[in-house]
Amino acid sequence: MSQQSAEQWHMKKEVNLVHIITTIGIFVSCFWYFSDLDKRIAANEQSISYVQSLRTEDQKRVEKQLDKINAKLDRLLESR
């Protein structure tokens, strides 16, 4: 390695204020994103529970209607 190429590669031990501000900004935005993500997950859990309860109610209602239809068909067949 020549003397000139060895001088080209060096590291500075200084930290710029812009790098510190950028790093803090990244940490704050990550924290903000993940706290918002937690809120969205909780909202989705509530929505899923609500939809499941509606589905259960609808299923019970359909079963009642089918029972009524069966009863009517049975009466119709008995009358003939």
C-alpha atoms as a PDB file:
ATOM      1  CA  MET A   1       0.000   0.000   0.000  1.00  0.00           C
ATOM      2  CA  SER A   2       1.367   3.360  -0.869  1.00  0.00           C
ATOM      3  CA  GLN A   3       1.542   6.299   1.492  1.00  0.00           C
ATOM      4  CA  GLN A   4      -1.083   8.236  -0.477  1.00  0.00           C
ATOM      5  CA  SER A   5      -3.795   5.509  -0.350  1.00  0.00           C
ATOM      6  CA  ALA A   6      -3.262   4.993   3.404  1.00  0.00           C
ATOM      7  CA  GLU A   7      -3.960   8.665   4.040  1.00  0.00           C
ATOM      8  CA  GLN A   8      -7.219   8.561   2.078  1.00  0.00           C
ATOM      9  CA  TRP A   9      -8.843   6.094   4.473  1.00  0.00           C
ATOM     10  CA  HIS A  10      -9.451   7.513   7.913  1.00  0.00           C
ATOM     11  CA  MET A  11     -12.323   7.852  10.348  1.00  0.00           C
ATOM     12  CA  LYS A  12     -13.354  11.009  12.088  1.00  0.00           C
ATOM     13  CA  LYS A  13     -14.367  10.736  15.729  1.00  0.00           C
ATOM     14  CA  GLU A  14     -16.802  13.595  15.599  1.00  0.00           C
ATOM     15  CA  VAL A  15     -20.573  13.506  15.727  1.00  0.00           C
ATOM     16  CA  ASN A  16     -22.596  16.097  13.889  1.00  0.00           C
ATOM     17  CA  LEU A  17     -25.623  17.701  15.505  1.00  0.00           C
ATOM     18  CA  VAL A  18     -27.677  16.764  12.436  1.00  0.00           C
ATOM     19  CA  HIS A  19     -26.951  13.068  13.032  1.00  0.00           C
ATOM     20  CA  ILE A  20     -28.086  13.325  16.642  1.00  0.00           C
ATOM     21  CA  ILE A  21     -31.302  15.134  15.683  1.00  0.00           C
ATOM     22  CA  THR A  22     -31.994  12.602  12.910  1.00  0.00           C
ATOM     23  CA  THR A  23     -31.438   9.654  15.254  1.00  0.00           C
ATOM     24  CA  ILE A  24     -33.744  11.149  17.896  1.00  0.00           C
ATOM     25  CA  GLY A  25     -36.331  11.807  15.196  1.00  0.00           C
ATOM     26  CA  ILE A  26     -36.166   8.189  14.046  1.00  0.00           C
ATOM     27  CA  PHE A  27     -36.614   6.905  17.623  1.00  0.00           C
ATOM     28  CA  VAL A  28     -39.560   9.216  18.249  1.00  0.00           C
ATOM     29  CA  SER A  29     -41.275   8.256  14.991  1.00  0.00           C
ATOM     30  CA  CYS A  30     -40.740   4.531  15.696  1.00  0.00           C
ATOM     31  CA  PHE A  31     -42.212   4.932  19.172  1.00  0.00           C
ATOM     32  CA  TRP A  32     -45.154   6.884  17.770  1.00  0.00           C
ATOM     33  CA  TYR A  33     -45.774   4.285  15.047  1.00  0.00           C
ATOM     34  CA  PHE A  34     -45.715   1.322  17.447  1.00  0.00           C
ATOM     35  CA  SER A  35     -47.955   3.022  20.015  1.00  0.00           C
ATOM     36  CA  ASP A  36     -50.436   3.800  17.246  1.00  0.00           C
ATOM     37  CA  LEU A  37     -50.136   0.215  16.027  1.00  0.00           C
ATOM     38  CA  ASP A  38     -51.185  -1.034  19.455  1.00  0.00           C
ATOM     39  CA  LYS A  39     -54.297   1.175  19.351  1.00  0.00           C
ATOM     40  CA  ARG A  40     -55.218  -0.110  15.896  1.00  0.00           C
ATOM     41  CA  ILE A  41     -54.805  -3.732  17.019  1.00  0.00           C
ATOM     42  CA  ALA A  42     -57.103  -3.111  19.995  1.00  0.00           C
ATOM     43  CA  ALA A  43     -59.704  -1.492  17.735  1.00  0.00           C
ATOM     44  CA  ASN A  44     -59.544  -4.468  15.366  1.00  0.00           C
ATOM     45  CA  GLU A  45     -60.006  -6.890  18.260  1.00  0.00           C
ATOM     46  CA  GLN A  46     -63.157  -5.051  19.321  1.00  0.00           C
ATOM     47  CA  SER A  47     -64.432  -5.016  15.753  1.00  0.00           C
ATOM     48  CA  ILE A  48     -63.826  -8.744  15.357  1.00  0.00           C
ATOM     49  CA  SER A  49     -65.646  -9.486  18.614  1.00  0.00           C
ATOM     50  CA  TYR A  50     -68.602  -7.389  17.489  1.00  0.00           C
ATOM     51  CA  VAL A  51     -68.772  -9.112  14.093  1.00  0.00           C
ATOM     52  CA  GLN A  52     -68.565 -12.533  15.762  1.00  0.00           C
ATOM     53  CA  SER A  53     -71.471 -11.695  18.070  1.00  0.00           C
ATOM     54  CA  LEU A  54     -73.524 -10.471  15.091  1.00  0.00           C
ATOM     55  CA  ARG A  55     -72.733 -13.661  13.226  1.00  0.00           C
ATOM     56  CA  THR A  56     -73.860 -15.774  16.180  1.00  0.00           C
ATOM     57  CA  GLU A  57     -77.132 -13.851  16.415  1.00  0.00           C
ATOM     58  CA  ASP A  58     -77.710 -14.191  12.671  1.00  0.00           C
ATOM     59  CA  GLN A  59     -77.018 -17.907  12.829  1.00  0.00           C
ATOM     60  CA  LYS A  60     -79.550 -18.361  15.645  1.00  0.00           C
ATOM     61  CA  ARG A  61     -82.126 -16.340  13.701  1.00  0.00           C
ATOM     62  CA  VAL A  62     -81.593 -18.442  10.572  1.00  0.00           C
ATOM     63  CA  GLU A  63     -81.924 -21.642  12.587  1.00  0.00           C
ATOM     64  CA  LYS A  64     -85.247 -20.414  14.029  1.00  0.00           C
ATOM     65  CA  GLN A  65     -86.497 -19.558  10.550  1.00  0.00           C
ATOM     66  CA  LEU A  66     -85.465 -22.987   9.264  1.00  0.00           C
ATOM     67  CA  ASP A  67     -87.270 -24.640  12.171  1.00  0.00           C
ATOM     68  CA  LYS A  68     -90.407 -22.672  11.303  1.00  0.00           C
ATOM     69  CA  ILE A  69     -90.114 -23.671   7.657  1.00  0.00           C
ATOM     70  CA  ASN A  70     -89.684 -27.331   8.640  1.00  0.00           C
ATOM     71  CA  ALA A  71     -92.721 -27.172  10.891  1.00  0.00           C
ATOM     72  CA  LYS A  72     -94.808 -25.614   8.109  1.00  0.00           C
ATOM     73  CA  LEU A  73     -93.638 -28.259   5.642  1.00  0.00           C
ATOM     74  CA  ASP A  74     -94.480 -31.004   8.127  1.00  0.00           C
ATOM     75  CA  ARG A  75     -98.005 -29.568   8.591  1.00  0.00           C
ATOM     76  CA  LEU A  76     -98.396 -29.252   4.841  1.00  0.00           C
ATOM     77  CA  LEU A  77     -97.398 -32.872   4.305  1.00  0.00           C
ATOM     78  CA  GLU A  78     -99.677 -34.079   7.090  1.00  0.00           C
ATOM     79  CA  SER A  79    -102.655 -32.238   5.641  1.00  0.00           C
ATOM     80  CA  ARG A  80    -102.302 -33.945   2.271  1.00  0.00           C
END
